[in-house]
Amino acid sequence: MREKGKWRYIAINGLLLAGSFFFFFTILLNQLFSNPEPISTILIRAITFGTAYGIVTWVIWENRYKKSGMEQESS
């Protein structure tokens, strides 16, 4: 995970995976509950969610990695 870099992790795991899941899930729920909402609004929220998700999960995994002591061993 660290080898690929923080911003690539955020782009792939955050924006691409979590953001697209959020986008399609929101569209599905809007269709099921007849709640019309502009696609642009959903897209903006999906980008925001994906970015936030990517950053938060990166920070969590980075802290776990540092606490495990693996950082000193790999240097």
PDB file of N, CA and C in Angstrom:
ATOM      1  N   MET A   1       0.828  -1.180   0.000  1.00  0.00           N
ATOM      2  CA  MET A   1       0.000   0.000   0.000  1.00  0.00           C
ATOM      3  C   MET A   1       0.877   1.249   0.000  1.00  0.00           C
ATOM      4  N   ARG A   2       1.880   1.304   0.846  1.00  0.00           N
ATOM      5  CA  ARG A   2       2.738   2.492   0.934  1.00  0.00           C
ATOM      6  C   ARG A   2       3.564   2.686  -0.331  1.00  0.00           C
ATOM      7  N   GLU A   3       3.938   1.587  -0.980  1.00  0.00           N
ATOM      8  CA  GLU A   3       4.780   1.679  -2.166  1.00  0.00           C
ATOM      9  C   GLU A   3       4.102   2.457  -3.288  1.00  0.00           C
ATOM     10  N   LYS A   4       2.795   2.350  -3.369  1.00  0.00           N
ATOM     11  CA  LYS A   4       2.056   3.012  -4.441  1.00  0.00           C
ATOM     12  C   LYS A   4       1.834   4.495  -4.168  1.00  0.00           C
ATOM     13  N   GLY A   5       1.939   4.915  -2.917  1.00  0.00           N
ATOM     14  CA  GLY A   5       1.804   6.322  -2.592  1.00  0.00           C
ATOM     15  C   GLY A   5       0.432   6.695  -2.076  1.00  0.00           C
ATOM     16  N   LYS A   6       0.424   7.770  -1.306  1.00  0.00           N
ATOM     17  CA  LYS A   6      -0.809   8.217  -0.661  1.00  0.00           C
ATOM     18  C   LYS A   6      -1.850   8.675  -1.677  1.00  0.00           C
ATOM     19  N   TRP A   7      -1.453   9.504  -2.634  1.00  0.00           N
ATOM     20  CA  TRP A   7      -2.447  10.083  -3.551  1.00  0.00           C
ATOM     21  C   TRP A   7      -3.022   9.042  -4.504  1.00  0.00           C
ATOM     22  N   ARG A   8      -2.219   8.062  -4.877  1.00  0.00           N
ATOM     23  CA  ARG A   8      -2.748   6.980  -5.712  1.00  0.00           C
ATOM     24  C   ARG A   8      -3.755   6.142  -4.908  1.00  0.00           C
ATOM     25  N   TYR A   9      -3.425   5.883  -3.637  1.00  0.00           N
ATOM     26  CA  TYR A   9      -4.342   5.156  -2.764  1.00  0.00           C
ATOM     27  C   TYR A   9      -5.672   5.895  -2.639  1.00  0.00           C
ATOM     28  N   ILE A  10      -5.594   7.209  -2.410  1.00  0.00           N
ATOM     29  CA  ILE A  10      -6.804   8.015  -2.264  1.00  0.00           C
ATOM     30  C   ILE A  10      -7.599   8.003  -3.568  1.00  0.00           C
ATOM     31  N   ALA A  11      -6.912   8.100  -4.701  1.00  0.00           N
ATOM     32  CA  ALA A  11      -7.602   8.110  -5.999  1.00  0.00           C
ATOM     33  C   ALA A  11      -8.277   6.770  -6.290  1.00  0.00           C
ATOM     34  N   ILE A  12      -7.550   5.677  -6.059  1.00  0.00           N
ATOM     35  CA  ILE A  12      -8.099   4.350  -6.389  1.00  0.00           C
ATOM     36  C   ILE A  12      -9.127   3.898  -5.355  1.00  0.00           C
ATOM     37  N   ASN A  13      -8.711   3.801  -4.098  1.00  0.00           N
ATOM     38  CA  ASN A  13      -9.598   3.272  -3.055  1.00  0.00           C
ATOM     39  C   ASN A  13     -10.679   4.262  -2.644  1.00  0.00           C
ATOM     40  N   GLY A  14     -10.355   5.540  -2.664  1.00  0.00           N
ATOM     41  CA  GLY A  14     -11.324   6.544  -2.249  1.00  0.00           C
ATOM     42  C   GLY A  14     -12.256   6.940  -3.369  1.00  0.00           C
ATOM     43  N   LEU A  15     -11.708   7.635  -4.360  1.00  0.00           N
ATOM     44  CA  LEU A  15     -12.544   8.164  -5.438  1.00  0.00           C
ATOM     45  C   LEU A  15     -13.141   7.072  -6.318  1.00  0.00           C
ATOM     46  N   LEU A  16     -12.294   6.186  -6.812  1.00  0.00           N
ATOM     47  CA  LEU A  16     -12.780   5.188  -7.764  1.00  0.00           C
ATOM     48  C   LEU A  16     -13.690   4.144  -7.116  1.00  0.00           C
ATOM     49  N   LEU A  17     -13.252   3.564  -6.018  1.00  0.00           N
ATOM     50  CA  LEU A  17     -14.045   2.493  -5.415  1.00  0.00           C
ATOM     51  C   LEU A  17     -15.173   3.010  -4.520  1.00  0.00           C
ATOM     52  N   ALA A  18     -14.817   3.751  -3.468  1.00  0.00           N
ATOM     53  CA  ALA A  18     -15.838   4.216  -2.521  1.00  0.00           C
ATOM     54  C   ALA A  18     -16.743   5.268  -3.152  1.00  0.00           C
ATOM     55  N   GLY A  19     -16.157   6.189  -3.917  1.00  0.00           N
ATOM     56  CA  GLY A  19     -16.952   7.234  -4.545  1.00  0.00           C
ATOM     57  C   GLY A  19     -17.936   6.693  -5.569  1.00  0.00           C
ATOM     58  N   SER A  20     -17.490   5.746  -6.391  1.00  0.00           N
ATOM     59  CA  SER A  20     -18.404   5.178  -7.387  1.00  0.00           C
ATOM     60  C   SER A  20     -19.485   4.331  -6.717  1.00  0.00           C
ATOM     61  N   PHE A  21     -19.117   3.598  -5.661  1.00  0.00           N
ATOM     62  CA  PHE A  21     -20.132   2.846  -4.920  1.00  0.00           C
ATOM     63  C   PHE A  21     -21.188   3.787  -4.351  1.00  0.00           C
ATOM     64  N   PHE A  22     -20.741   4.870  -3.727  1.00  0.00           N
ATOM     65  CA  PHE A  22     -21.649   5.870  -3.171  1.00  0.00           C
ATOM     66  C   PHE A  22     -22.555   6.440  -4.265  1.00  0.00           C
ATOM     67  N   PHE A  23     -21.976   6.775  -5.407  1.00  0.00           N
ATOM     68  CA  PHE A  23     -22.724   7.360  -6.519  1.00  0.00           C
ATOM     69  C   PHE A  23     -23.842   6.420  -6.993  1.00  0.00           C
ATOM     70  N   PHE A  24     -23.486   5.179  -7.294  1.00  0.00           N
ATOM     71  CA  PHE A  24     -24.483   4.238  -7.818  1.00  0.00           C
ATOM     72  C   PHE A  24     -25.496   3.821  -6.755  1.00  0.00           C
ATOM     73  N   PHE A  25     -25.062   3.684  -5.523  1.00  0.00           N
ATOM     74  CA  PHE A  25     -25.977   3.321  -4.443  1.00  0.00           C
ATOM     75  C   PHE A  25     -26.990   4.446  -4.202  1.00  0.00           C
ATOM     76  N   THR A  26     -26.532   5.687  -4.258  1.00  0.00           N
ATOM     77  CA  THR A  26     -27.433   6.826  -4.080  1.00  0.00           C
ATOM     78  C   THR A  26     -28.446   6.892  -5.216  1.00  0.00           C
ATOM     79  N   ILE A  27     -28.001   6.662  -6.435  1.00  0.00           N
ATOM     80  CA  ILE A  27     -28.932   6.653  -7.575  1.00  0.00           C
ATOM     81  C   ILE A  27     -29.958   5.538  -7.404  1.00  0.00           C
ATOM     82  N   LEU A  28     -29.511   4.369  -6.984  1.00  0.00           N
ATOM     83  CA  LEU A  28     -30.433   3.246  -6.764  1.00  0.00           C
ATOM     84  C   LEU A  28     -31.472   3.591  -5.703  1.00  0.00           C
ATOM     85  N   LEU A  29     -31.021   4.143  -4.581  1.00  0.00           N
ATOM     86  CA  LEU A  29     -31.962   4.511  -3.517  1.00  0.00           C
ATOM     87  C   LEU A  29     -32.929   5.604  -3.971  1.00  0.00           C
ATOM     88  N   ASN A  30     -32.438   6.549  -4.737  1.00  0.00           N
ATOM     89  CA  ASN A  30     -33.315   7.599  -5.250  1.00  0.00           C
ATOM     90  C   ASN A  30     -34.387   7.029  -6.167  1.00  0.00           C
ATOM     91  N   GLN A  31     -34.031   6.032  -6.957  1.00  0.00           N
ATOM     92  CA  GLN A  31     -35.015   5.391  -7.834  1.00  0.00           C
ATOM     93  C   GLN A  31     -36.030   4.579  -7.032  1.00  0.00           C
ATOM     94  N   LEU A  32     -35.541   3.848  -6.040  1.00  0.00           N
ATOM     95  CA  LEU A  32     -36.435   3.008  -5.239  1.00  0.00           C
ATOM     96  C   LEU A  32     -37.439   3.832  -4.430  1.00  0.00           C
ATOM     97  N   PHE A  33     -37.007   4.967  -3.932  1.00  0.00           N
ATOM     98  CA  PHE A  33     -37.868   5.787  -3.084  1.00  0.00           C
ATOM     99  C   PHE A  33     -38.432   7.007  -3.808  1.00  0.00           C
ATOM    100  N   SER A  34     -38.335   7.009  -5.128  1.00  0.00           N
ATOM    101  CA  SER A  34     -38.876   8.096  -5.957  1.00  0.00           C
ATOM    102  C   SER A  34     -38.454   9.465  -5.426  1.00  0.00           C
ATOM    103  N   ASN A  35     -37.170   9.612  -5.228  1.00  0.00           N
ATOM    104  CA  ASN A  35     -36.616  10.851  -4.715  1.00  0.00           C
ATOM    105  C   ASN A  35     -35.728  11.473  -5.786  1.00  0.00           C
ATOM    106  N   PRO A  36     -36.312  12.314  -6.651  1.00  0.00           N
ATOM    107  CA  PRO A  36     -35.495  12.893  -7.726  1.00  0.00           C
ATOM    108  C   PRO A  36     -34.445  13.857  -7.169  1.00  0.00           C
ATOM    109  N   GLU A  37     -33.240  13.682  -7.628  1.00  0.00           N
ATOM    110  CA  GLU A  37     -32.136  14.538  -7.205  1.00  0.00           C
ATOM    111  C   GLU A  37     -31.211  14.700  -8.413  1.00  0.00           C
ATOM    112  N   PRO A  38     -30.719  15.896  -8.657  1.00  0.00           N
ATOM    113  CA  PRO A  38     -29.847  16.098  -9.820  1.00  0.00           C
ATOM    114  C   PRO A  38     -28.582  15.240  -9.741  1.00  0.00           C
ATOM    115  N   ILE A  39     -28.195  14.707 -10.894  1.00  0.00           N
ATOM    116  CA  ILE A  39     -26.996  13.873 -10.971  1.00  0.00           C
ATOM    117  C   ILE A  39     -25.766  14.671 -10.535  1.00  0.00           C
ATOM    118  N   SER A  40     -25.741  15.961 -10.864  1.00  0.00           N
ATOM    119  CA  SER A  40     -24.577  16.781 -10.492  1.00  0.00           C
ATOM    120  C   SER A  40     -24.409  16.852  -8.976  1.00  0.00           C
ATOM    121  N   THR A  41     -25.501  16.934  -8.246  1.00  0.00           N
ATOM    122  CA  THR A  41     -25.438  16.964  -6.786  1.00  0.00           C
ATOM    123  C   THR A  41     -24.910  15.637  -6.251  1.00  0.00           C
ATOM    124  N   ILE A  42     -25.395  14.554  -6.802  1.00  0.00           N
ATOM    125  CA  ILE A  42     -24.939  13.227  -6.377  1.00  0.00           C
ATOM    126  C   ILE A  42     -23.451  13.063  -6.692  1.00  0.00           C
ATOM    127  N   LEU A  43     -23.035  13.536  -7.852  1.00  0.00           N
ATOM    128  CA  LEU A  43     -21.634  13.420  -8.250  1.00  0.00           C
ATOM    129  C   LEU A  43     -20.723  14.210  -7.315  1.00  0.00           C
ATOM    130  N   ILE A  44     -21.114  15.417  -6.970  1.00  0.00           N
ATOM    131  CA  ILE A  44     -20.311  16.234  -6.053  1.00  0.00           C
ATOM    132  C   ILE A  44     -20.202  15.557  -4.691  1.00  0.00           C
ATOM    133  N   ARG A  45     -21.323  15.018  -4.197  1.00  0.00           N
ATOM    134  CA  ARG A  45     -21.283  14.324  -2.906  1.00  0.00           C
ATOM    135  C   ARG A  45     -20.447  13.057  -2.979  1.00  0.00           C
ATOM    136  N   ALA A  46     -20.496  12.346  -4.111  1.00  0.00           N
ATOM    137  CA  ALA A  46     -19.705  11.122  -4.270  1.00  0.00           C
ATOM    138  C   ALA A  46     -18.217  11.438  -4.298  1.00  0.00           C
ATOM    139  N   ILE A  47     -17.826  12.513  -4.971  1.00  0.00           N
ATOM    140  CA  ILE A  47     -16.418  12.914  -5.008  1.00  0.00           C
ATOM    141  C   ILE A  47     -15.948  13.316  -3.617  1.00  0.00           C
ATOM    142  N   THR A  48     -16.768  14.067  -2.913  1.00  0.00           N
ATOM    143  CA  THR A  48     -16.427  14.478  -1.554  1.00  0.00           C
ATOM    144  C   THR A  48     -16.299  13.274  -0.642  1.00  0.00           C
ATOM    145  N   PHE A  49     -17.275  12.369  -0.710  1.00  0.00           N
ATOM    146  CA  PHE A  49     -17.238  11.166   0.118  1.00  0.00           C
ATOM    147  C   PHE A  49     -16.020  10.311  -0.211  1.00  0.00           C
ATOM    148  N   GLY A  50     -15.767  10.083  -1.487  1.00  0.00           N
ATOM    149  CA  GLY A  50     -14.641   9.246  -1.889  1.00  0.00           C
ATOM    150  C   GLY A  50     -13.302   9.801  -1.436  1.00  0.00           C
ATOM    151  N   THR A  51     -13.132  11.105  -1.580  1.00  0.00           N
ATOM    152  CA  THR A  51     -11.891  11.735  -1.137  1.00  0.00           C
ATOM    153  C   THR A  51     -11.733  11.614   0.374  1.00  0.00           C
ATOM    154  N   ALA A  52     -12.788  11.923   1.100  1.00  0.00           N
ATOM    155  CA  ALA A  52     -12.735  11.837   2.563  1.00  0.00           C
ATOM    156  C   ALA A  52     -12.474  10.401   3.006  1.00  0.00           C
ATOM    157  N   TYR A  53     -13.142   9.453   2.385  1.00  0.00           N
ATOM    158  CA  TYR A  53     -12.944   8.042   2.722  1.00  0.00           C
ATOM    159  C   TYR A  53     -11.501   7.620   2.474  1.00  0.00           C
ATOM    160  N   GLY A  54     -10.952   8.010   1.342  1.00  0.00           N
ATOM    161  CA  GLY A  54      -9.574   7.665   1.020  1.00  0.00           C
ATOM    162  C   GLY A  54      -8.584   8.247   2.005  1.00  0.00           C
ATOM    163  N   ILE A  55      -8.775   9.505   2.374  1.00  0.00           N
ATOM    164  CA  ILE A  55      -7.869  10.154   3.324  1.00  0.00           C
ATOM    165  C   ILE A  55      -7.966   9.513   4.706  1.00  0.00           C
ATOM    166  N   VAL A  56      -9.187   9.294   5.167  1.00  0.00           N
ATOM    167  CA  VAL A  56      -9.374   8.717   6.504  1.00  0.00           C
ATOM    168  C   VAL A  56      -8.806   7.306   6.579  1.00  0.00           C
ATOM    169  N   THR A  57      -9.066   6.480   5.572  1.00  0.00           N
ATOM    170  CA  THR A  57      -8.538   5.119   5.623  1.00  0.00           C
ATOM    171  C   THR A  57      -7.019   5.113   5.489  1.00  0.00           C
ATOM    172  N   TRP A  58      -6.463   6.024   4.704  1.00  0.00           N
ATOM    173  CA  TRP A  58      -4.997   6.122   4.619  1.00  0.00           C
ATOM    174  C   TRP A  58      -4.402   6.441   5.987  1.00  0.00           C
ATOM    175  N   VAL A  59      -4.967   7.422   6.665  1.00  0.00           N
ATOM    176  CA  VAL A  59      -4.464   7.824   7.979  1.00  0.00           C
ATOM    177  C   VAL A  59      -4.577   6.675   8.972  1.00  0.00           C
ATOM    178  N   ILE A  60      -5.692   5.974   8.966  1.00  0.00           N
ATOM    179  CA  ILE A  60      -5.881   4.841   9.881  1.00  0.00           C
ATOM    180  C   ILE A  60      -4.833   3.761   9.619  1.00  0.00           C
ATOM    181  N   TRP A  61      -4.658   3.371   8.354  1.00  0.00           N
ATOM    182  CA  TRP A  61      -3.698   2.316   8.032  1.00  0.00           C
ATOM    183  C   TRP A  61      -2.267   2.768   8.272  1.00  0.00           C
ATOM    184  N   GLU A  62      -1.975   4.027   8.023  1.00  0.00           N
ATOM    185  CA  GLU A  62      -0.631   4.543   8.263  1.00  0.00           C
ATOM    186  C   GLU A  62      -0.308   4.517   9.762  1.00  0.00           C
ATOM    187  N   ASN A  63      -1.271   4.913  10.591  1.00  0.00           N
ATOM    188  CA  ASN A  63      -1.063   4.867  12.047  1.00  0.00           C
ATOM    189  C   ASN A  63      -0.879   3.437  12.546  1.00  0.00           C
ATOM    190  N   ARG A  64      -1.656   2.508  12.018  1.00  0.00           N
ATOM    191  CA  ARG A  64      -1.495   1.099  12.408  1.00  0.00           C
ATOM    192  C   ARG A  64      -0.122   0.576  11.996  1.00  0.00           C
ATOM    193  N   TYR A  65       0.318   0.972  10.830  1.00  0.00           N
ATOM    194  CA  TYR A  65       1.628   0.538  10.337  1.00  0.00           C
ATOM    195  C   TYR A  65       2.734   1.070  11.236  1.00  0.00           C
ATOM    196  N   LYS A  66       2.649   2.333  11.587  1.00  0.00           N
ATOM    197  CA  LYS A  66       3.679   2.926  12.451  1.00  0.00           C
ATOM    198  C   LYS A  66       3.672   2.309  13.846  1.00  0.00           C
ATOM    199  N   LYS A  67       2.497   2.017  14.384  1.00  0.00           N
ATOM    200  CA  LYS A  67       2.401   1.414  15.710  1.00  0.00           C
ATOM    201  C   LYS A  67       2.913  -0.017  15.721  1.00  0.00           C
ATOM    202  N   SER A  68       2.836  -0.704  14.598  1.00  0.00           N
ATOM    203  CA  SER A  68       3.263  -2.112  14.543  1.00  0.00           C
ATOM    204  C   SER A  68       4.767  -2.247  14.596  1.00  0.00           C
ATOM    205  N   GLY A  69       5.503  -1.172  14.356  1.00  0.00           N
ATOM    206  CA  GLY A  69       6.958  -1.233  14.397  1.00  0.00           C
ATOM    207  C   GLY A  69       7.568  -1.686  13.082  1.00  0.00           C
ATOM    208  N   MET A  70       6.761  -1.903  12.071  1.00  0.00           N
ATOM    209  CA  MET A  70       7.273  -2.357  10.781  1.00  0.00           C
ATOM    210  C   MET A  70       8.103  -1.276  10.099  1.00  0.00           C
ATOM    211  N   GLU A  71       7.867  -0.024  10.420  1.00  0.00           N
ATOM    212  CA  GLU A  71       8.575   1.069   9.776  1.00  0.00           C
ATOM    213  C   GLU A  71      10.073   1.019  10.083  1.00  0.00           C
ATOM    214  N   GLN A  72      10.432   0.728  11.322  1.00  0.00           N
ATOM    215  CA  GLN A  72      11.831   0.656  11.701  1.00  0.00           C
ATOM    216  C   GLN A  72      12.516  -0.570  11.071  1.00  0.00           C
ATOM    217  N   GLU A  73      11.775  -1.661  10.971  1.00  0.00           N
ATOM    218  CA  GLU A  73      12.350  -2.894  10.427  1.00  0.00           C
ATOM    219  C   GLU A  73      12.638  -2.794   8.954  1.00  0.00           C
ATOM    220  N   SER A  74      11.815  -2.050   8.203  1.00  0.00           N
ATOM    221  CA  SER A  74      11.982  -1.980   6.753  1.00  0.00           C
ATOM    222  C   SER A  74      13.027  -0.960   6.337  1.00  0.00           C
ATOM    223  N   SER A  75      13.480  -0.099   7.255  1.00  0.00           N
ATOM    224  CA  SER A  75      14.474   0.942   6.918  1.00  0.00           C
ATOM    225  C   SER A  75      15.863   0.376   6.833  1.00  0.00           C
TER     226      SER A  75
END
